[in-house]
């Protein structure tokens, strides 16, 4: 069973930075770990879940709302995925979740709307003065 654990959330002032981490474990197929897409999503109270970013060793995507401010990266040795968030705005306030697939596949052009099989428990990010 794949497990995802997010960390790094917190309270930050507008314009500040945070780095979220997603630790993935439990892949059972014999593929290189970097074959699996890791996606970041967020959900604010009363709002629909929003795609933020996705990464594999081949493709990387960002939502328009975070381009130029957020950067996704991957530590293949530690099997961690990071989401560096700079220039945070109050509208970035949400619970952030990472996700992955049952089978290895690219993020793909439909990364923001396609199905992901596993989700973490989320980490809260609050941007407020």
Foldseek 3Di string as FASTA:
>chain_A
DKAKAKDWADEAAAQAKIKMKIAIDDQDDPDQLLLKKKWKWWDDPPDDIWTAWIDGPVDIDGDPVQPPFWDWDADSVRGMIMIIGGRDDQVVWTWMKMFIANDGDGCDPCVTPDDTDDMHPTDTHGYHD
